């Protein structure tokens, strides 16, 4: 279920083979994925923000304390994550591996649309 969302966010997969949505599924992607004629359809800023929000809330103990702020500057987008101090380590992970994975997935999805995205965890 999460893998199909990521696959669709990155522009692959068959939309007709999706399973039925449950309350724990990630937010639906609002535009058709993989359309070579419309690069903006690959990953909009709200899709990327929803993806980062879904992943971070799934990782932490206090999901209600997770807040995201998106700053757009032309084709560059920065997604700032703010969370409880006790949950910061869960988002960052050992040696920064978890946040690196989140950044790589977000950058890959944004790259399909010709955009650059960075994900930062704020104190």
Protein backbone atom coordinates (compact mmCIF):
# COMPACT_ATOMS: atom_id res chain seq x y z
CA UNK A 1 0.00 0.00 0.00
CA UNK A 2 2.74 2.50 0.89
CA UNK A 3 4.94 1.11 -1.86
CA UNK A 4 2.21 1.65 -4.45
CA UNK A 5 1.85 5.26 -3.28
CA UNK A 6 5.60 5.83 -3.61
CA UNK A 7 5.61 4.14 -7.00
CA UNK A 8 2.77 6.37 -8.18
CA UNK A 9 4.43 9.46 -6.71
CA UNK A 10 7.60 8.68 -8.63
CA UNK A 11 5.65 8.20 -11.83
CA UNK A 12 5.35 4.44 -12.23
CA UNK A 13 2.75 1.84 -11.70
CA UNK A 14 -0.69 0.98 -12.92
CA UNK A 15 -3.43 3.14 -11.37
CA UNK A 16 -6.12 0.53 -12.10
CA UNK A 17 -4.44 -2.15 -9.94
CA UNK A 18 -4.59 -0.14 -6.69
CA UNK A 19 -6.23 -1.69 -3.68
CA UNK A 20 -9.13 -0.04 -1.91
CA UNK A 21 -8.14 2.82 0.33
CA UNK A 22 -8.32 2.57 4.09
CA UNK A 23 -7.88 5.35 6.65
CA UNK A 24 -4.21 4.37 7.10
CA UNK A 25 -3.31 4.77 3.42
CA UNK A 26 -1.34 7.82 2.30
CA UNK A 27 -3.22 10.73 0.77
CA UNK A 28 -4.25 10.13 -2.84
CA UNK A 29 -2.14 11.63 -5.59
CA UNK A 30 -4.26 14.36 -7.13
CA UNK A 31 -2.88 14.24 -10.67
CA UNK A 32 -2.24 11.46 -13.16
CA UNK A 33 1.30 10.19 -12.73
CA UNK A 34 3.82 9.49 -15.45
CA UNK A 35 2.35 11.80 -18.08
CA UNK A 36 5.34 12.80 -20.21
CA UNK A 37 3.42 15.71 -21.74
CA UNK A 38 2.83 17.41 -18.38
CA UNK A 39 5.92 17.34 -16.12
CA UNK A 40 4.07 19.21 -13.37
CA UNK A 41 1.69 16.24 -13.07
CA UNK A 42 4.51 14.05 -11.75
CA UNK A 43 4.72 15.61 -8.31
CA UNK A 44 3.16 18.83 -7.13
CA UNK A 45 4.35 20.58 -3.99
CA UNK A 46 1.27 19.50 -2.06
CA UNK A 47 1.81 15.87 -3.09
CA UNK A 48 5.39 16.01 -1.83
CA UNK A 49 4.34 17.71 1.38
CA UNK A 50 1.60 15.12 1.96
CA UNK A 51 4.08 12.32 1.37
CA UNK A 52 6.61 13.75 3.85
CA UNK A 53 3.82 14.36 6.39
CA UNK A 54 2.56 10.78 6.04
CA UNK A 55 6.01 9.26 6.51
CA UNK A 56 7.01 11.45 9.46
CA UNK A 57 3.73 10.93 11.29
CA UNK A 58 4.11 7.18 10.85
CA UNK A 59 7.60 7.28 12.40
CA UNK A 60 6.98 9.35 15.55
CA UNK A 61 5.30 8.68 18.89
CA UNK A 62 3.45 12.03 18.90
CA UNK A 63 2.06 12.48 15.38
CA UNK A 64 -0.08 15.44 16.44
CA UNK A 65 3.10 17.44 17.16
CA UNK A 66 4.42 17.07 13.59
CA UNK A 67 4.16 20.29 11.59
CA UNK A 68 5.42 20.98 8.09
CA UNK A 69 6.17 24.31 6.51
CA UNK A 70 6.81 24.55 2.78
CA UNK A 71 8.83 27.39 1.29
CA UNK A 72 8.70 27.73 -2.51
CA UNK A 73 11.36 29.72 -4.33
CA UNK A 74 10.82 29.26 -8.05
CA UNK A 75 11.69 25.66 -8.89
CA UNK A 76 13.29 25.10 -5.47
CA UNK A 77 11.13 23.94 -2.57
CA UNK A 78 12.14 23.47 1.05
CA UNK A 79 9.98 21.37 3.38
CA UNK A 80 10.74 22.14 7.04
CA UNK A 81 9.69 19.53 9.61
CA UNK A 82 9.04 20.52 13.22
CA UNK A 83 8.25 17.86 15.82
CA UNK A 84 8.60 17.05 19.51
CA UNK A 85 12.21 16.89 20.74
CA UNK A 86 11.75 13.26 21.78
CA UNK A 87 10.69 12.32 18.22
CA UNK A 88 13.46 14.15 16.39
CA UNK A 89 15.81 11.16 16.59
CA UNK A 90 13.19 8.88 15.04
CA UNK A 91 12.89 11.13 11.99
CA UNK A 92 16.64 11.57 11.63
CA UNK A 93 17.51 7.92 12.30
CA UNK A 94 20.90 6.39 13.00
CA UNK A 95 23.62 8.37 11.27
CA UNK A 96 20.88 10.29 9.45
CA UNK A 97 19.80 7.32 7.35
CA UNK A 98 16.04 7.82 7.77
CA UNK A 99 16.03 11.51 6.84
CA UNK A 100 18.38 10.73 3.94
CA UNK A 101 15.88 8.19 2.62
CA UNK A 102 13.01 10.68 2.95
CA UNK A 103 15.09 13.31 1.14
CA UNK A 104 16.00 10.89 -1.65
CA UNK A 105 12.39 9.86 -2.26
CA UNK A 106 11.16 13.46 -2.22
CA UNK A 107 13.99 14.59 -4.50
CA UNK A 108 13.29 11.74 -6.92
CA UNK A 109 9.63 12.61 -7.14
CA UNK A 110 10.37 16.31 -7.55
CA UNK A 111 13.03 15.62 -10.17
CA UNK A 112 10.41 14.03 -12.43
CA UNK A 113 8.75 17.46 -12.55
CA UNK A 114 12.01 19.35 -13.07
CA UNK A 115 11.99 20.73 -9.53
CA UNK A 116 14.41 20.58 -6.63
CA UNK A 117 13.24 19.82 -3.12
CA UNK A 118 15.07 19.73 0.18
CA UNK A 119 13.73 18.35 3.44
CA UNK A 120 15.02 19.81 6.72
CA UNK A 121 14.31 18.91 10.36
CA UNK A 122 14.16 22.02 12.54
CA UNK A 123 14.91 22.19 16.25
